[in-house]
Amino acid sequence: MTEPVFDRDRLDVYRLAIESVALSFKLAKELNGCHRHACDQRLRAAQSIPLNIAEGNGKRSLKDRSRFLENARGSTLECVAIQDIYVATN
């Protein structure tokens, strides 16, 4: 019996989002102290990206799909802002 292939598995953006989550967890292991709150937020936002892509991709309504993809985009921008904070604060 073969494993099921979900539509999300065919999306490059989904695979990249999963890679980004893995990188976020790797980075989280290196951060501590005053960065812990930003680190926690980064992990939540990073995980939100593939979750929203997967859920949105499963929606039949274009309006629903767009809403989830917009949420994924927002979480991506949140991760970028947190990265900016890391850089600004060394």
N, C-alpha and C. Protein backbone atom coordinates (compact mmCIF):
# COMPACT_ATOMS: atom_id res chain seq x y z
N MET A 1 0.83 -1.17 0.00
CA MET A 1 0.00 0.00 0.00
C MET A 1 0.89 1.25 0.00
N THR A 2 0.60 2.18 -0.85
CA THR A 2 1.40 3.40 -0.93
C THR A 2 0.83 4.47 -0.01
N GLU A 3 1.71 5.40 0.40
CA GLU A 3 1.26 6.50 1.25
C GLU A 3 0.44 7.48 0.43
N PRO A 4 -0.59 8.06 1.04
CA PRO A 4 -1.39 9.04 0.30
C PRO A 4 -0.56 10.29 0.00
N VAL A 5 -0.83 10.90 -1.15
CA VAL A 5 -0.18 12.15 -1.52
C VAL A 5 -1.23 13.23 -1.43
N PHE A 6 -0.98 14.20 -0.60
CA PHE A 6 -1.89 15.31 -0.43
C PHE A 6 -1.49 16.44 -1.37
N ASP A 7 -2.45 17.26 -1.74
CA ASP A 7 -2.16 18.37 -2.65
C ASP A 7 -1.06 19.27 -2.12
N ARG A 8 -1.02 19.47 -0.84
CA ARG A 8 -0.01 20.37 -0.27
C ARG A 8 1.40 19.87 -0.53
N ASP A 9 1.57 18.56 -0.64
CA ASP A 9 2.89 17.98 -0.88
C ASP A 9 3.45 18.35 -2.25
N ARG A 10 2.59 18.78 -3.12
CA ARG A 10 3.02 19.17 -4.47
C ARG A 10 3.40 20.64 -4.56
N LEU A 11 3.19 21.37 -3.48
CA LEU A 11 3.44 22.81 -3.50
C LEU A 11 4.86 23.11 -3.02
N ASP A 12 5.62 23.79 -3.88
CA ASP A 12 6.97 24.20 -3.48
C ASP A 12 6.92 25.10 -2.25
N VAL A 13 5.96 26.00 -2.19
CA VAL A 13 5.87 26.93 -1.07
C VAL A 13 5.63 26.19 0.24
N TYR A 14 4.91 25.10 0.19
CA TYR A 14 4.68 24.30 1.40
C TYR A 14 5.98 23.66 1.86
N ARG A 15 6.70 23.06 0.93
CA ARG A 15 7.98 22.43 1.28
C ARG A 15 8.97 23.46 1.84
N LEU A 16 9.01 24.64 1.23
CA LEU A 16 9.89 25.70 1.74
C LEU A 16 9.47 26.15 3.13
N ALA A 17 8.18 26.20 3.37
CA ALA A 17 7.68 26.59 4.70
C ALA A 17 8.10 25.57 5.75
N ILE A 18 8.06 24.30 5.41
CA ILE A 18 8.50 23.24 6.34
C ILE A 18 9.99 23.39 6.62
N GLU A 19 10.78 23.69 5.59
CA GLU A 19 12.21 23.93 5.78
C GLU A 19 12.44 25.13 6.70
N SER A 20 11.62 26.16 6.54
CA SER A 20 11.73 27.35 7.38
C SER A 20 11.43 27.02 8.84
N VAL A 21 10.46 26.16 9.08
CA VAL A 21 10.16 25.75 10.45
C VAL A 21 11.36 25.02 11.05
N ALA A 22 11.95 24.12 10.28
CA ALA A 22 13.13 23.39 10.77
C ALA A 22 14.26 24.36 11.10
N LEU A 23 14.48 25.35 10.25
CA LEU A 23 15.51 26.35 10.50
C LEU A 23 15.19 27.18 11.74
N SER A 24 13.92 27.51 11.93
CA SER A 24 13.51 28.28 13.11
C SER A 24 13.79 27.50 14.39
N PHE A 25 13.53 26.20 14.38
CA PHE A 25 13.80 25.39 15.56
C PHE A 25 15.31 25.29 15.81
N LYS A 26 16.08 25.19 14.75
CA LYS A 26 17.53 25.15 14.89
C LYS A 26 18.03 26.45 15.50
N LEU A 27 17.53 27.57 15.01
CA LEU A 27 17.91 28.87 15.54
C LEU A 27 17.48 29.03 16.99
N ALA A 28 16.32 28.52 17.32
CA ALA A 28 15.79 28.63 18.69
C ALA A 28 16.73 27.97 19.70
N LYS A 29 17.37 26.90 19.30
CA LYS A 29 18.29 26.21 20.21
C LYS A 29 19.51 27.07 20.54
N GLU A 30 19.83 28.02 19.66
CA GLU A 30 21.00 28.86 19.86
C GLU A 30 20.69 30.15 20.62
N LEU A 31 19.41 30.50 20.75
CA LEU A 31 19.03 31.75 21.41
C LEU A 31 18.60 31.50 22.84
N ASN A 32 18.85 32.50 23.67
CA ASN A 32 18.42 32.41 25.06
C ASN A 32 18.32 33.81 25.64
N GLY A 33 18.07 33.88 26.91
CA GLY A 33 18.03 35.16 27.59
C GLY A 33 16.95 36.09 27.08
N CYS A 34 17.37 37.31 26.76
CA CYS A 34 16.40 38.35 26.39
C CYS A 34 15.67 38.06 25.08
N HIS A 35 16.15 37.13 24.29
CA HIS A 35 15.50 36.80 23.02
C HIS A 35 14.43 35.72 23.16
N ARG A 36 14.22 35.19 24.36
CA ARG A 36 13.33 34.03 24.46
C ARG A 36 11.89 34.33 24.03
N HIS A 37 11.38 35.55 24.30
CA HIS A 37 10.01 35.87 23.90
C HIS A 37 9.90 35.98 22.38
N ALA A 38 10.87 36.64 21.77
CA ALA A 38 10.88 36.75 20.31
C ALA A 38 11.06 35.37 19.68
N CYS A 39 11.85 34.54 20.33
CA CYS A 39 12.08 33.18 19.83
C CYS A 39 10.78 32.37 19.86
N ASP A 40 10.06 32.45 20.96
CA ASP A 40 8.77 31.74 21.05
C ASP A 40 7.80 32.22 19.98
N GLN A 41 7.75 33.54 19.80
CA GLN A 41 6.85 34.11 18.79
C GLN A 41 7.26 33.66 17.39
N ARG A 42 8.57 33.61 17.14
CA ARG A 42 9.07 33.16 15.83
C ARG A 42 8.66 31.71 15.57
N LEU A 43 8.78 30.86 16.58
CA LEU A 43 8.39 29.46 16.40
C LEU A 43 6.90 29.33 16.10
N ARG A 44 6.08 30.08 16.81
CA ARG A 44 4.63 30.02 16.55
C ARG A 44 4.31 30.53 15.15
N ALA A 45 4.92 31.66 14.77
CA ALA A 45 4.66 32.23 13.44
C ALA A 45 5.16 31.30 12.35
N ALA A 46 6.35 30.73 12.54
CA ALA A 46 6.91 29.83 11.52
C ALA A 46 6.03 28.60 11.32
N GLN A 47 5.53 28.04 12.42
CA GLN A 47 4.66 26.87 12.30
C GLN A 47 3.32 27.22 11.66
N SER A 48 2.89 28.44 11.87
CA SER A 48 1.62 28.88 11.31
C SER A 48 1.64 28.92 9.78
N ILE A 49 2.81 29.16 9.21
CA ILE A 49 2.90 29.29 7.75
C ILE A 49 2.47 28.00 7.04
N PRO A 50 3.13 26.86 7.27
CA PRO A 50 2.70 25.64 6.56
C PRO A 50 1.31 25.17 6.98
N LEU A 51 0.94 25.44 8.23
CA LEU A 51 -0.41 25.03 8.67
C LEU A 51 -1.48 25.77 7.88
N ASN A 52 -1.30 27.07 7.70
CA ASN A 52 -2.26 27.85 6.92
C ASN A 52 -2.23 27.50 5.44
N ILE A 53 -1.05 27.23 4.91
CA ILE A 53 -0.96 26.82 3.49
C ILE A 53 -1.72 25.51 3.29
N ALA A 54 -1.48 24.55 4.17
CA ALA A 54 -2.14 23.25 4.04
C ALA A 54 -3.64 23.37 4.18
N GLU A 55 -4.08 24.11 5.20
CA GLU A 55 -5.52 24.24 5.42
C GLU A 55 -6.17 25.02 4.29
N GLY A 56 -5.53 26.10 3.86
CA GLY A 56 -6.08 26.90 2.77
C GLY A 56 -6.15 26.12 1.47
N ASN A 57 -5.14 25.31 1.22
CA ASN A 57 -5.12 24.53 -0.01
C ASN A 57 -6.25 23.50 -0.06
N GLY A 58 -6.75 23.14 1.12
CA GLY A 58 -7.85 22.18 1.18
C GLY A 58 -9.23 22.81 1.05
N LYS A 59 -9.28 24.12 1.04
CA LYS A 59 -10.58 24.79 0.94
C LYS A 59 -11.04 24.84 -0.51
N ARG A 60 -12.32 24.63 -0.71
CA ARG A 60 -12.88 24.66 -2.06
C ARG A 60 -13.23 26.07 -2.52
N SER A 61 -13.60 26.89 -1.58
CA SER A 61 -13.98 28.26 -1.89
C SER A 61 -12.72 29.11 -2.08
N LEU A 62 -12.68 29.87 -3.16
CA LEU A 62 -11.54 30.74 -3.42
C LEU A 62 -11.38 31.78 -2.32
N LYS A 63 -12.48 32.27 -1.80
CA LYS A 63 -12.44 33.26 -0.72
C LYS A 63 -11.80 32.65 0.54
N ASP A 64 -12.20 31.44 0.91
CA ASP A 64 -11.62 30.77 2.07
C ASP A 64 -10.14 30.48 1.83
N ARG A 65 -9.81 29.97 0.67
CA ARG A 65 -8.42 29.65 0.35
C ARG A 65 -7.56 30.91 0.44
N SER A 66 -8.05 32.00 -0.11
CA SER A 66 -7.31 33.27 -0.08
C SER A 66 -7.07 33.75 1.34
N ARG A 67 -8.06 33.58 2.20
CA ARG A 67 -7.94 34.02 3.59
C ARG A 67 -6.80 33.27 4.30
N PHE A 68 -6.74 31.96 4.10
CA PHE A 68 -5.68 31.18 4.75
C PHE A 68 -4.31 31.51 4.16
N LEU A 69 -4.24 31.73 2.87
CA LEU A 69 -2.96 32.08 2.25
C LEU A 69 -2.51 33.46 2.69
N GLU A 70 -3.46 34.38 2.90
CA GLU A 70 -3.12 35.69 3.44
C GLU A 70 -2.58 35.57 4.87
N ASN A 71 -3.17 34.67 5.65
CA ASN A 71 -2.67 34.43 7.01
C ASN A 71 -1.24 33.88 6.96
N ALA A 72 -0.97 32.98 6.02
CA ALA A 72 0.38 32.44 5.87
C ALA A 72 1.35 33.55 5.50
N ARG A 73 0.93 34.43 4.61
CA ARG A 73 1.77 35.56 4.21
C ARG A 73 2.05 36.46 5.41
N GLY A 74 1.03 36.73 6.21
CA GLY A 74 1.20 37.56 7.40
C GLY A 74 2.18 36.94 8.38
N SER A 75 2.11 35.63 8.57
CA SER A 75 3.04 34.95 9.46
C SER A 75 4.46 34.99 8.92
N THR A 76 4.59 34.92 7.60
CA THR A 76 5.90 35.03 6.97
C THR A 76 6.51 36.40 7.26
N LEU A 77 5.71 37.44 7.08
CA LEU A 77 6.19 38.80 7.36
C LEU A 77 6.53 38.98 8.83
N GLU A 78 5.79 38.31 9.70
CA GLU A 78 6.09 38.36 11.12
C GLU A 78 7.46 37.73 11.40
N CYS A 79 7.75 36.61 10.76
CA CYS A 79 9.06 35.97 10.92
C CYS A 79 10.18 36.89 10.43
N VAL A 80 9.94 37.58 9.33
CA VAL A 80 10.95 38.51 8.80
C VAL A 80 11.20 39.63 9.80
N ALA A 81 10.14 40.17 10.39
CA ALA A 81 10.30 41.23 11.37
C ALA A 81 11.07 40.75 12.60
N ILE A 82 10.78 39.54 13.04
CA ILE A 82 11.50 38.99 14.19
C ILE A 82 12.97 38.79 13.84
N GLN A 83 13.25 38.36 12.62
CA GLN A 83 14.64 38.24 12.17
C GLN A 83 15.33 39.60 12.21
N ASP A 84 14.62 40.64 11.79
CA ASP A 84 15.17 42.00 11.86
C ASP A 84 15.50 42.39 13.30
N ILE A 85 14.64 41.98 14.23
CA ILE A 85 14.88 42.26 15.65
C ILE A 85 16.15 41.55 16.11
N TYR A 86 16.30 40.28 15.71
CA TYR A 86 17.51 39.54 16.08
C TYR A 86 18.76 40.27 15.58
N VAL A 87 18.73 40.69 14.34
CA VAL A 87 19.89 41.36 13.74
C VAL A 87 20.15 42.69 14.45
N ALA A 88 19.10 43.46 14.71
CA ALA A 88 19.26 44.77 15.34
C ALA A 88 19.79 44.67 16.76
N THR A 89 19.52 43.56 17.43
CA THR A 89 19.93 43.40 18.81
C THR A 89 21.09 42.43 18.97
N ASN A 90 21.74 42.15 17.86
CA ASN A 90 22.89 41.22 17.84
C ASN A 90 22.51 39.85 18.30
